[in-house]
Amino acid sequence: DRGYGFIATEDGKDVFFHQTGLQGLSFDSLKEGQPVEFETEEGPKGPRAANIRSSEKTAD
């Protein structure tokens, strides 16, 4: 596995992430389209996602 990927944001931009930015998730358990929450920080090559965690939405 590569250990990195991209998160598609609601405004249509892709944000780079590395598996070291995952919190409570394993890289291998991630699925395309899975909702997540994250913070953006400045990396050596531009913005990247950090503190990435599951964003399970519940019905009201």
N, C-alpha and C. Protein backbone atom coordinates (compact mmCIF):
# COMPACT_ATOMS: atom_id res chain seq x y z
N ASP A 1 0.82 -1.20 0.00
CA ASP A 1 0.00 0.00 0.00
C ASP A 1 0.86 1.26 0.00
N ARG A 2 0.32 2.29 -0.57
CA ARG A 2 1.06 3.54 -0.68
C ARG A 2 1.12 4.29 0.65
N GLY A 3 0.08 4.18 1.46
CA GLY A 3 0.07 4.87 2.74
C GLY A 3 -0.38 6.33 2.66
N TYR A 4 -0.89 6.72 1.51
CA TYR A 4 -1.39 8.08 1.37
C TYR A 4 -2.54 8.10 0.38
N GLY A 5 -3.25 9.22 0.34
CA GLY A 5 -4.36 9.35 -0.59
C GLY A 5 -4.85 10.78 -0.59
N PHE A 6 -6.07 10.97 -1.06
CA PHE A 6 -6.65 12.30 -1.15
C PHE A 6 -8.08 12.26 -0.61
N ILE A 7 -8.46 13.33 0.07
CA ILE A 7 -9.82 13.49 0.58
C ILE A 7 -10.50 14.53 -0.29
N ALA A 8 -11.66 14.17 -0.84
CA ALA A 8 -12.45 15.12 -1.64
C ALA A 8 -13.28 15.96 -0.68
N THR A 9 -13.12 17.27 -0.74
CA THR A 9 -13.86 18.15 0.15
C THR A 9 -15.21 18.51 -0.47
N GLU A 10 -16.08 19.11 0.34
CA GLU A 10 -17.41 19.49 -0.15
C GLU A 10 -17.35 20.54 -1.24
N ASP A 11 -16.28 21.33 -1.28
CA ASP A 11 -16.17 22.35 -2.33
C ASP A 11 -15.44 21.84 -3.57
N GLY A 12 -15.23 20.52 -3.64
CA GLY A 12 -14.68 19.91 -4.84
C GLY A 12 -13.17 19.85 -4.93
N LYS A 13 -12.48 20.27 -3.88
CA LYS A 13 -11.02 20.21 -3.88
C LYS A 13 -10.54 18.90 -3.26
N ASP A 14 -9.37 18.45 -3.68
CA ASP A 14 -8.75 17.26 -3.10
C ASP A 14 -7.63 17.69 -2.17
N VAL A 15 -7.63 17.11 -0.95
CA VAL A 15 -6.60 17.41 0.04
C VAL A 15 -5.79 16.16 0.28
N PHE A 16 -4.47 16.27 0.16
CA PHE A 16 -3.56 15.16 0.38
C PHE A 16 -3.61 14.71 1.84
N PHE A 17 -3.47 13.40 2.08
CA PHE A 17 -3.28 12.91 3.44
C PHE A 17 -2.30 11.75 3.43
N HIS A 18 -1.62 11.59 4.57
CA HIS A 18 -0.73 10.46 4.79
C HIS A 18 -1.31 9.66 5.94
N GLN A 19 -1.06 8.36 5.95
CA GLN A 19 -1.65 7.49 6.97
C GLN A 19 -1.26 7.91 8.39
N THR A 20 -0.17 8.63 8.57
CA THR A 20 0.22 9.09 9.91
C THR A 20 -0.75 10.14 10.45
N GLY A 21 -1.61 10.72 9.59
CA GLY A 21 -2.58 11.71 10.02
C GLY A 21 -3.89 11.11 10.51
N LEU A 22 -4.02 9.78 10.44
CA LEU A 22 -5.26 9.12 10.84
C LEU A 22 -5.36 9.00 12.36
N GLN A 23 -6.55 9.25 12.90
CA GLN A 23 -6.82 9.14 14.33
C GLN A 23 -7.96 8.15 14.55
N GLY A 24 -7.66 6.99 15.10
CA GLY A 24 -8.69 5.99 15.36
C GLY A 24 -9.15 5.25 14.12
N LEU A 25 -8.44 5.39 13.04
CA LEU A 25 -8.74 4.69 11.79
C LEU A 25 -7.45 4.04 11.29
N SER A 26 -7.59 2.92 10.60
CA SER A 26 -6.42 2.35 9.94
C SER A 26 -6.53 2.64 8.45
N PHE A 27 -5.39 2.80 7.81
CA PHE A 27 -5.38 3.10 6.38
C PHE A 27 -6.13 2.03 5.60
N ASP A 28 -5.92 0.76 5.96
CA ASP A 28 -6.54 -0.34 5.23
C ASP A 28 -8.06 -0.41 5.42
N SER A 29 -8.58 0.21 6.48
CA SER A 29 -10.03 0.16 6.72
C SER A 29 -10.79 1.27 5.98
N LEU A 30 -10.08 2.25 5.43
CA LEU A 30 -10.75 3.35 4.73
C LEU A 30 -11.41 2.87 3.45
N LYS A 31 -12.58 3.41 3.18
CA LYS A 31 -13.32 3.10 1.96
C LYS A 31 -13.56 4.39 1.18
N GLU A 32 -13.54 4.29 -0.13
CA GLU A 32 -13.83 5.46 -0.96
C GLU A 32 -15.23 5.96 -0.65
N GLY A 33 -15.36 7.26 -0.44
CA GLY A 33 -16.65 7.87 -0.13
C GLY A 33 -16.99 7.89 1.35
N GLN A 34 -16.14 7.31 2.20
CA GLN A 34 -16.38 7.29 3.64
C GLN A 34 -16.28 8.71 4.20
N PRO A 35 -17.30 9.16 4.95
CA PRO A 35 -17.23 10.52 5.50
C PRO A 35 -16.21 10.61 6.64
N VAL A 36 -15.38 11.64 6.58
CA VAL A 36 -14.38 11.88 7.63
C VAL A 36 -14.35 13.36 7.98
N GLU A 37 -13.80 13.65 9.15
CA GLU A 37 -13.55 15.02 9.57
C GLU A 37 -12.04 15.16 9.68
N PHE A 38 -11.52 16.36 9.42
CA PHE A 38 -10.08 16.55 9.50
C PHE A 38 -9.76 18.03 9.64
N GLU A 39 -8.53 18.29 10.01
CA GLU A 39 -8.00 19.64 10.06
C GLU A 39 -7.00 19.78 8.92
N THR A 40 -6.81 20.98 8.44
CA THR A 40 -5.84 21.21 7.37
C THR A 40 -4.62 21.89 7.96
N GLU A 41 -3.44 21.39 7.59
CA GLU A 41 -2.19 22.01 8.01
C GLU A 41 -1.30 22.18 6.79
N GLU A 42 -0.30 23.00 6.92
CA GLU A 42 0.62 23.25 5.83
C GLU A 42 1.73 22.20 5.87
N GLY A 43 1.84 21.43 4.80
CA GLY A 43 2.90 20.43 4.68
C GLY A 43 4.02 20.95 3.81
N PRO A 44 5.06 20.14 3.61
CA PRO A 44 6.19 20.58 2.80
C PRO A 44 5.84 20.89 1.34
N LYS A 45 4.76 20.28 0.85
CA LYS A 45 4.36 20.49 -0.55
C LYS A 45 2.99 21.14 -0.67
N GLY A 46 2.52 21.78 0.40
CA GLY A 46 1.23 22.44 0.37
C GLY A 46 0.30 21.89 1.43
N PRO A 47 -0.99 22.25 1.36
CA PRO A 47 -1.94 21.83 2.38
C PRO A 47 -2.08 20.31 2.45
N ARG A 48 -2.28 19.81 3.67
CA ARG A 48 -2.54 18.38 3.85
C ARG A 48 -3.50 18.20 5.02
N ALA A 49 -4.20 17.08 5.01
CA ALA A 49 -5.15 16.77 6.07
C ALA A 49 -4.42 16.16 7.26
N ALA A 50 -4.86 16.53 8.47
CA ALA A 50 -4.30 16.00 9.71
C ALA A 50 -5.44 15.70 10.67
N ASN A 51 -5.17 14.90 11.68
CA ASN A 51 -6.18 14.53 12.68
C ASN A 51 -7.46 14.03 12.01
N ILE A 52 -7.30 13.10 11.09
CA ILE A 52 -8.41 12.57 10.31
C ILE A 52 -9.15 11.53 11.15
N ARG A 53 -10.45 11.70 11.29
CA ARG A 53 -11.25 10.77 12.09
C ARG A 53 -12.58 10.51 11.40
N SER A 54 -13.21 9.44 11.81
CA SER A 54 -14.49 9.06 11.23
C SER A 54 -15.54 10.12 11.51
N SER A 55 -16.43 10.31 10.58
CA SER A 55 -17.50 11.30 10.71
C SER A 55 -18.83 10.60 10.52
N GLU A 56 -19.14 9.68 11.40
CA GLU A 56 -20.40 8.94 11.30
C GLU A 56 -21.55 9.89 11.54
N LYS A 57 -22.45 9.93 10.59
CA LYS A 57 -23.63 10.80 10.72
C LYS A 57 -24.80 9.95 11.19
N THR A 58 -25.53 10.49 12.17
CA THR A 58 -26.69 9.78 12.69
C THR A 58 -27.96 10.53 12.32
N ALA A 59 -29.04 9.80 12.16
CA ALA A 59 -30.33 10.42 11.83
C ALA A 59 -30.92 11.05 13.09
N ASP A 60 -31.55 12.20 12.93
CA ASP A 60 -32.19 12.88 14.07
C ASP A 60 -33.55 12.29 14.33
